[in-house]
N, C-alpha and C. Protein backbone atom coordinates (compact mmCIF):
# COMPACT_ATOMS: atom_id res chain seq x y z
N MET A 1 41.34 53.88 109.80
CA MET A 1 40.05 53.49 109.22
C MET A 1 40.13 53.71 107.72
N GLU A 2 39.92 52.67 106.97
CA GLU A 2 39.95 52.83 105.53
C GLU A 2 38.68 53.50 105.05
N ASP A 3 38.75 54.07 103.85
CA ASP A 3 37.59 54.75 103.29
C ASP A 3 36.56 53.72 102.86
N LYS A 4 35.47 53.68 103.57
CA LYS A 4 34.39 52.74 103.25
C LYS A 4 33.13 53.54 102.91
N THR A 5 33.27 54.51 102.04
CA THR A 5 32.15 55.38 101.69
C THR A 5 30.96 54.58 101.20
N PHE A 6 31.22 53.51 100.48
CA PHE A 6 30.14 52.79 99.83
C PHE A 6 29.79 51.48 100.51
N VAL A 7 29.98 51.41 101.83
CA VAL A 7 29.57 50.23 102.58
C VAL A 7 28.07 50.30 102.78
N SER A 8 27.52 49.22 103.31
CA SER A 8 26.09 49.21 103.57
C SER A 8 25.75 50.26 104.61
N GLN A 9 24.51 50.67 104.61
CA GLN A 9 24.06 51.67 105.58
C GLN A 9 24.25 51.15 107.00
N ASP A 10 23.92 49.90 107.25
CA ASP A 10 24.06 49.34 108.60
C ASP A 10 25.51 49.34 109.07
N GLU A 11 26.43 48.96 108.18
CA GLU A 11 27.84 48.94 108.56
C GLU A 11 28.35 50.36 108.83
N PHE A 12 27.93 51.31 108.02
CA PHE A 12 28.32 52.71 108.22
C PHE A 12 27.82 53.20 109.57
N ILE A 13 26.55 52.97 109.86
CA ILE A 13 25.95 53.43 111.12
C ILE A 13 26.66 52.79 112.31
N ASP A 14 26.86 51.48 112.26
CA ASP A 14 27.53 50.80 113.36
C ASP A 14 28.93 51.35 113.58
N THR A 15 29.67 51.57 112.51
CA THR A 15 31.04 52.07 112.63
C THR A 15 31.06 53.47 113.22
N VAL A 16 30.18 54.33 112.74
CA VAL A 16 30.13 55.71 113.25
C VAL A 16 29.75 55.71 114.73
N LEU A 17 28.73 54.96 115.09
CA LEU A 17 28.27 54.96 116.49
C LEU A 17 29.27 54.29 117.42
N GLU A 18 29.93 53.23 116.97
CA GLU A 18 30.95 52.59 117.80
C GLU A 18 32.12 53.54 118.03
N THR A 19 32.51 54.26 117.01
CA THR A 19 33.59 55.24 117.16
C THR A 19 33.16 56.33 118.13
N TYR A 20 31.95 56.83 117.96
CA TYR A 20 31.42 57.90 118.80
C TYR A 20 31.45 57.52 120.28
N VAL A 21 30.90 56.37 120.63
CA VAL A 21 30.81 55.99 122.05
C VAL A 21 32.16 55.58 122.63
N SER A 22 33.15 55.34 121.78
CA SER A 22 34.48 54.97 122.28
C SER A 22 35.29 56.18 122.71
N LEU A 23 34.86 57.38 122.35
CA LEU A 23 35.62 58.59 122.65
C LEU A 23 35.40 59.04 124.09
N PRO A 24 36.43 59.70 124.67
CA PRO A 24 36.22 60.28 125.99
C PRO A 24 35.17 61.38 125.93
N ASP A 25 34.49 61.62 126.99
CA ASP A 25 33.48 62.69 127.10
C ASP A 25 32.25 62.45 126.24
N THR A 26 32.04 61.23 125.77
CA THR A 26 30.81 60.90 125.04
C THR A 26 30.02 59.88 125.85
N PRO A 27 28.74 59.75 125.56
CA PRO A 27 27.93 58.76 126.29
C PRO A 27 28.45 57.34 126.06
N LYS A 28 28.06 56.44 126.94
CA LYS A 28 28.48 55.05 126.81
C LYS A 28 27.66 54.29 125.78
N CYS A 29 26.53 54.87 125.38
CA CYS A 29 25.75 54.28 124.29
C CYS A 29 25.10 55.41 123.50
N ALA A 30 24.88 55.12 122.23
CA ALA A 30 24.31 56.13 121.33
C ALA A 30 22.80 56.24 121.54
N ARG A 31 22.27 57.41 121.21
CA ARG A 31 20.83 57.65 121.31
C ARG A 31 20.19 57.48 119.93
N ARG A 32 18.89 57.48 119.92
CA ARG A 32 18.15 57.35 118.67
C ARG A 32 18.50 58.49 117.71
N ASP A 33 18.62 59.72 118.22
CA ASP A 33 18.97 60.85 117.37
C ASP A 33 20.36 60.69 116.75
N ASP A 34 21.27 60.06 117.48
CA ASP A 34 22.60 59.80 116.95
C ASP A 34 22.52 58.84 115.77
N ARG A 35 21.68 57.83 115.91
CA ARG A 35 21.49 56.86 114.82
C ARG A 35 20.90 57.57 113.59
N TYR A 36 19.91 58.43 113.80
CA TYR A 36 19.31 59.15 112.67
C TYR A 36 20.34 60.03 111.95
N LEU A 37 21.21 60.66 112.73
CA LEU A 37 22.24 61.49 112.11
C LEU A 37 23.22 60.62 111.33
N ALA A 38 23.58 59.47 111.86
CA ALA A 38 24.47 58.56 111.14
C ALA A 38 23.83 58.12 109.81
N ILE A 39 22.53 57.87 109.84
CA ILE A 39 21.82 57.52 108.59
C ILE A 39 21.92 58.68 107.61
N LYS A 40 21.70 59.90 108.09
CA LYS A 40 21.77 61.08 107.24
C LYS A 40 23.17 61.25 106.63
N LEU A 41 24.20 61.04 107.44
CA LEU A 41 25.57 61.15 106.94
C LEU A 41 25.83 60.12 105.85
N HIS A 42 25.32 58.91 106.04
CA HIS A 42 25.49 57.87 105.02
C HIS A 42 24.77 58.27 103.73
N ARG A 43 23.57 58.76 103.86
CA ARG A 43 22.80 59.16 102.67
C ARG A 43 23.45 60.33 101.94
N GLN A 44 24.23 61.14 102.66
CA GLN A 44 24.96 62.25 102.04
C GLN A 44 26.30 61.78 101.48
N SER A 45 26.58 60.49 101.59
CA SER A 45 27.83 59.89 101.10
C SER A 45 29.08 60.52 101.71
N ILE A 46 29.00 60.85 103.00
CA ILE A 46 30.16 61.37 103.71
C ILE A 46 31.08 60.17 103.98
N PRO A 47 32.33 60.24 103.56
CA PRO A 47 33.24 59.10 103.81
C PRO A 47 33.44 58.88 105.31
N LEU A 48 33.53 57.62 105.69
CA LEU A 48 33.75 57.29 107.10
C LEU A 48 35.01 57.94 107.64
N PHE A 49 36.06 58.00 106.84
CA PHE A 49 37.30 58.58 107.37
C PHE A 49 37.12 60.06 107.70
N GLN A 50 36.23 60.75 107.00
CA GLN A 50 35.99 62.16 107.32
C GLN A 50 35.20 62.29 108.63
N VAL A 51 34.25 61.41 108.83
CA VAL A 51 33.48 61.43 110.08
C VAL A 51 34.40 61.13 111.25
N LYS A 52 35.24 60.10 111.08
CA LYS A 52 36.16 59.74 112.17
C LYS A 52 37.17 60.86 112.40
N ALA A 53 37.68 61.46 111.34
CA ALA A 53 38.64 62.56 111.50
C ALA A 53 38.01 63.70 112.29
N ALA A 54 36.75 64.00 112.04
CA ALA A 54 36.06 65.06 112.76
C ALA A 54 35.95 64.73 114.24
N MET A 55 35.61 63.49 114.55
CA MET A 55 35.49 63.09 115.95
C MET A 55 36.84 63.13 116.65
N LEU A 56 37.87 62.68 115.97
CA LEU A 56 39.21 62.69 116.57
C LEU A 56 39.73 64.11 116.74
N LEU A 57 39.47 64.96 115.77
CA LEU A 57 39.91 66.35 115.86
C LEU A 57 39.24 67.05 117.05
N ALA A 58 37.96 66.82 117.21
CA ALA A 58 37.26 67.41 118.37
C ALA A 58 37.86 66.90 119.67
N THR A 59 38.14 65.62 119.73
CA THR A 59 38.73 65.03 120.93
C THR A 59 40.10 65.64 121.20
N LEU A 60 40.88 65.79 120.17
CA LEU A 60 42.20 66.41 120.31
C LEU A 60 42.09 67.83 120.84
N ARG A 61 41.21 68.61 120.26
CA ARG A 61 41.03 69.99 120.70
C ARG A 61 40.53 70.08 122.13
N ARG A 62 39.64 69.18 122.51
CA ARG A 62 39.09 69.20 123.86
C ARG A 62 40.13 68.79 124.90
N ASN A 63 41.00 67.84 124.55
CA ASN A 63 41.95 67.30 125.52
C ASN A 63 43.26 68.06 125.61
N PHE A 64 43.55 68.88 124.62
CA PHE A 64 44.82 69.60 124.63
C PHE A 64 44.58 71.10 124.64
N ARG A 65 43.68 71.51 125.51
CA ARG A 65 43.40 72.94 125.71
C ARG A 65 44.32 73.48 126.79
N GLU A 66 44.30 74.76 126.92
CA GLU A 66 45.10 75.40 127.97
C GLU A 66 44.61 74.89 129.33
N SER A 67 45.54 74.66 130.22
CA SER A 67 45.18 74.09 131.52
C SER A 67 44.31 75.04 132.35
N GLU A 68 44.38 76.33 132.09
CA GLU A 68 43.58 77.30 132.84
C GLU A 68 42.15 77.43 132.29
N ALA A 69 41.88 76.84 131.16
CA ALA A 69 40.55 76.97 130.54
C ALA A 69 39.50 76.26 131.39
N GLU A 70 38.29 76.80 131.34
CA GLU A 70 37.17 76.19 132.06
C GLU A 70 36.93 74.78 131.51
N PRO A 71 36.55 73.84 132.38
CA PRO A 71 36.24 72.48 131.90
C PRO A 71 35.05 72.51 130.94
N LEU A 72 35.09 71.64 129.97
CA LEU A 72 34.00 71.55 129.00
C LEU A 72 32.97 70.52 129.47
N GLU A 73 31.74 70.77 129.08
CA GLU A 73 30.67 69.82 129.37
C GLU A 73 30.88 68.56 128.52
N PRO A 74 30.39 67.42 128.98
CA PRO A 74 30.49 66.21 128.16
C PRO A 74 29.73 66.38 126.84
N ILE A 75 30.13 65.63 125.86
CA ILE A 75 29.44 65.62 124.57
C ILE A 75 28.21 64.75 124.72
N ARG A 76 27.06 65.28 124.34
CA ARG A 76 25.81 64.54 124.55
C ARG A 76 25.17 64.04 123.26
N SER A 77 25.74 64.46 122.12
CA SER A 77 25.11 64.10 120.85
C SER A 77 26.15 64.03 119.74
N LEU A 78 25.91 63.15 118.80
CA LEU A 78 26.75 63.06 117.61
C LEU A 78 26.72 64.38 116.83
N ARG A 79 25.66 65.16 116.99
CA ARG A 79 25.54 66.45 116.30
C ARG A 79 26.68 67.41 116.65
N TYR A 80 27.29 67.22 117.78
CA TYR A 80 28.41 68.04 118.20
C TYR A 80 29.50 68.08 117.11
N PHE A 81 29.62 66.98 116.36
CA PHE A 81 30.70 66.84 115.39
C PHE A 81 30.37 67.35 113.99
N VAL A 82 29.14 67.74 113.74
CA VAL A 82 28.74 68.18 112.40
C VAL A 82 29.60 69.35 111.89
N PRO A 83 29.82 70.41 112.67
CA PRO A 83 30.67 71.49 112.16
C PRO A 83 32.10 71.03 111.84
N LEU A 84 32.59 70.06 112.60
CA LEU A 84 33.92 69.54 112.34
C LEU A 84 33.95 68.65 111.10
N ILE A 85 32.89 67.93 110.85
CA ILE A 85 32.79 67.15 109.61
C ILE A 85 32.86 68.11 108.43
N GLU A 86 32.12 69.21 108.52
CA GLU A 86 32.15 70.22 107.45
C GLU A 86 33.54 70.83 107.31
N GLU A 87 34.21 71.07 108.44
CA GLU A 87 35.58 71.61 108.40
C GLU A 87 36.53 70.63 107.70
N ILE A 88 36.42 69.36 108.03
CA ILE A 88 37.26 68.33 107.40
C ILE A 88 36.98 68.26 105.91
N GLN A 89 35.71 68.34 105.53
CA GLN A 89 35.37 68.32 104.10
C GLN A 89 36.00 69.50 103.36
N ARG A 90 35.92 70.68 103.97
CA ARG A 90 36.50 71.87 103.33
C ARG A 90 38.02 71.77 103.22
N SER A 91 38.65 71.19 104.24
CA SER A 91 40.12 71.14 104.26
C SER A 91 40.66 70.07 103.32
N GLY A 92 39.81 69.12 102.96
CA GLY A 92 40.26 68.05 102.07
C GLY A 92 41.19 67.06 102.74
N GLY A 93 41.14 67.00 104.07
CA GLY A 93 41.99 66.07 104.80
C GLY A 93 41.72 64.64 104.38
N GLY A 94 42.78 63.90 104.10
CA GLY A 94 42.65 62.52 103.66
C GLY A 94 42.74 61.54 104.80
N GLU A 95 42.79 60.27 104.43
CA GLU A 95 42.85 59.21 105.44
C GLU A 95 44.10 59.31 106.30
N PHE A 96 45.19 59.82 105.74
CA PHE A 96 46.42 59.97 106.52
C PHE A 96 46.18 60.85 107.75
N TYR A 97 45.26 61.78 107.64
CA TYR A 97 44.94 62.69 108.74
C TYR A 97 44.35 61.91 109.91
N VAL A 98 43.52 60.93 109.61
CA VAL A 98 42.93 60.10 110.66
C VAL A 98 44.03 59.36 111.40
N HIS A 99 44.98 58.80 110.67
CA HIS A 99 46.07 58.06 111.30
C HIS A 99 46.93 58.99 112.17
N TYR A 100 47.17 60.17 111.69
CA TYR A 100 47.93 61.16 112.46
C TYR A 100 47.20 61.49 113.77
N LEU A 101 45.90 61.76 113.67
CA LEU A 101 45.12 62.09 114.87
C LEU A 101 45.08 60.92 115.84
N GLU A 102 44.94 59.72 115.32
CA GLU A 102 44.92 58.53 116.19
C GLU A 102 46.23 58.40 116.95
N GLN A 103 47.34 58.65 116.29
CA GLN A 103 48.63 58.56 116.96
C GLN A 103 48.75 59.61 118.07
N LYS A 104 48.30 60.82 117.78
CA LYS A 104 48.37 61.88 118.77
C LYS A 104 47.49 61.58 119.98
N LEU A 105 46.35 60.94 119.73
CA LEU A 105 45.36 60.71 120.78
C LEU A 105 45.42 59.34 121.42
N ASN A 106 46.33 58.51 121.01
CA ASN A 106 46.36 57.13 121.49
C ASN A 106 46.21 57.01 123.00
N PRO A 107 46.96 57.76 123.81
CA PRO A 107 46.78 57.63 125.27
C PRO A 107 45.41 58.08 125.74
N VAL A 108 44.85 59.09 125.12
CA VAL A 108 43.54 59.61 125.52
C VAL A 108 42.43 58.63 125.13
N LEU A 109 42.55 58.04 123.95
CA LEU A 109 41.50 57.14 123.47
C LEU A 109 41.44 55.86 124.29
N GLU A 110 42.53 55.46 124.91
CA GLU A 110 42.54 54.24 125.70
C GLU A 110 41.90 54.42 127.06
N THR A 111 41.69 55.64 127.51
CA THR A 111 41.21 55.86 128.87
C THR A 111 39.76 55.45 129.09
N LYS A 112 38.93 55.45 128.07
CA LYS A 112 37.52 55.11 128.28
C LYS A 112 37.36 53.64 128.67
N ASP A 113 38.28 52.80 128.25
CA ASP A 113 38.23 51.38 128.60
C ASP A 113 39.13 51.04 129.77
N SER A 114 39.60 52.05 130.48
CA SER A 114 40.53 51.80 131.57
C SER A 114 39.84 51.07 132.71
N PRO A 115 40.61 50.42 133.59
CA PRO A 115 40.02 49.72 134.73
C PRO A 115 39.22 50.62 135.66
N ALA A 116 39.48 51.92 135.60
CA ALA A 116 38.76 52.85 136.47
C ALA A 116 37.32 53.08 136.01
N ALA A 117 36.98 52.65 134.80
CA ALA A 117 35.63 52.83 134.30
C ALA A 117 34.67 51.97 135.10
N PRO A 118 33.41 52.44 135.29
CA PRO A 118 32.45 51.65 136.06
C PRO A 118 32.14 50.32 135.38
N ALA A 119 31.71 49.35 136.14
CA ALA A 119 31.37 48.04 135.59
C ALA A 119 30.33 48.19 134.49
N GLY A 120 30.54 47.47 133.41
CA GLY A 120 29.62 47.54 132.28
C GLY A 120 29.85 48.72 131.38
N ALA A 121 30.88 49.52 131.64
CA ALA A 121 31.10 50.73 130.86
C ALA A 121 32.02 50.52 129.68
N SER A 122 32.70 49.42 129.63
CA SER A 122 33.67 49.23 128.55
C SER A 122 32.95 48.98 127.24
N ARG A 123 33.57 49.41 126.16
CA ARG A 123 32.99 49.23 124.83
C ARG A 123 32.67 47.78 124.57
N GLY A 124 33.52 46.89 125.02
CA GLY A 124 33.30 45.48 124.74
C GLY A 124 32.07 44.92 125.39
N GLU A 125 31.55 45.57 126.40
CA GLU A 125 30.39 45.05 127.11
C GLU A 125 29.09 45.72 126.69
N LEU A 126 29.17 46.74 125.89
CA LEU A 126 27.97 47.43 125.45
C LEU A 126 27.89 47.42 123.95
N HIS A 127 26.73 47.31 123.41
CA HIS A 127 26.55 47.46 121.98
C HIS A 127 25.84 48.78 121.77
N PRO A 128 26.54 49.78 121.21
CA PRO A 128 25.99 51.13 121.14
C PRO A 128 24.83 51.31 120.20
N THR A 129 24.54 50.32 119.39
CA THR A 129 23.53 50.51 118.37
C THR A 129 22.26 49.75 118.65
N LYS A 130 22.13 49.15 119.80
CA LYS A 130 20.91 48.40 120.11
C LYS A 130 20.19 49.01 121.27
C-alpha cells in the first residue's frame, strides 16, 4: 500500500475499512463506530501505510502465538488497532514494513476469502462501507 496520507477522506475511509474487514478474526462488514474512527484517523493525518501496518502486525501476532495459548476472541472493532497504530508511529516503521508483514501473512490473509467461507462472506460480495 503506497502512502496516500493526503487522499480524500472518502478514499481513506474506504481503504481502511476494506483492509479491516479483509483480515481474519474481523467482522465481515464495518460498523458505524469503525467508520467514525477511520474519519478521526484521517483528520489526524495518520498515513494509510501506518494504519495498515498496525492491522497486519496485530494479525501476525494473533496468528503466530504459542500453540498452547488460549484462543483469542474475534476482533469486534477497528479500535482494537489504535494501540498498534501508536506503536507503529513511535517505531517509525516505513512502507517497507507493510510489504514485509504482507509477505509473512500472505497465507493467513487469503483464508477469509477461502471456499470454506459462508455464502456472501467474501470481500468481493460485500461492501464494508455501506
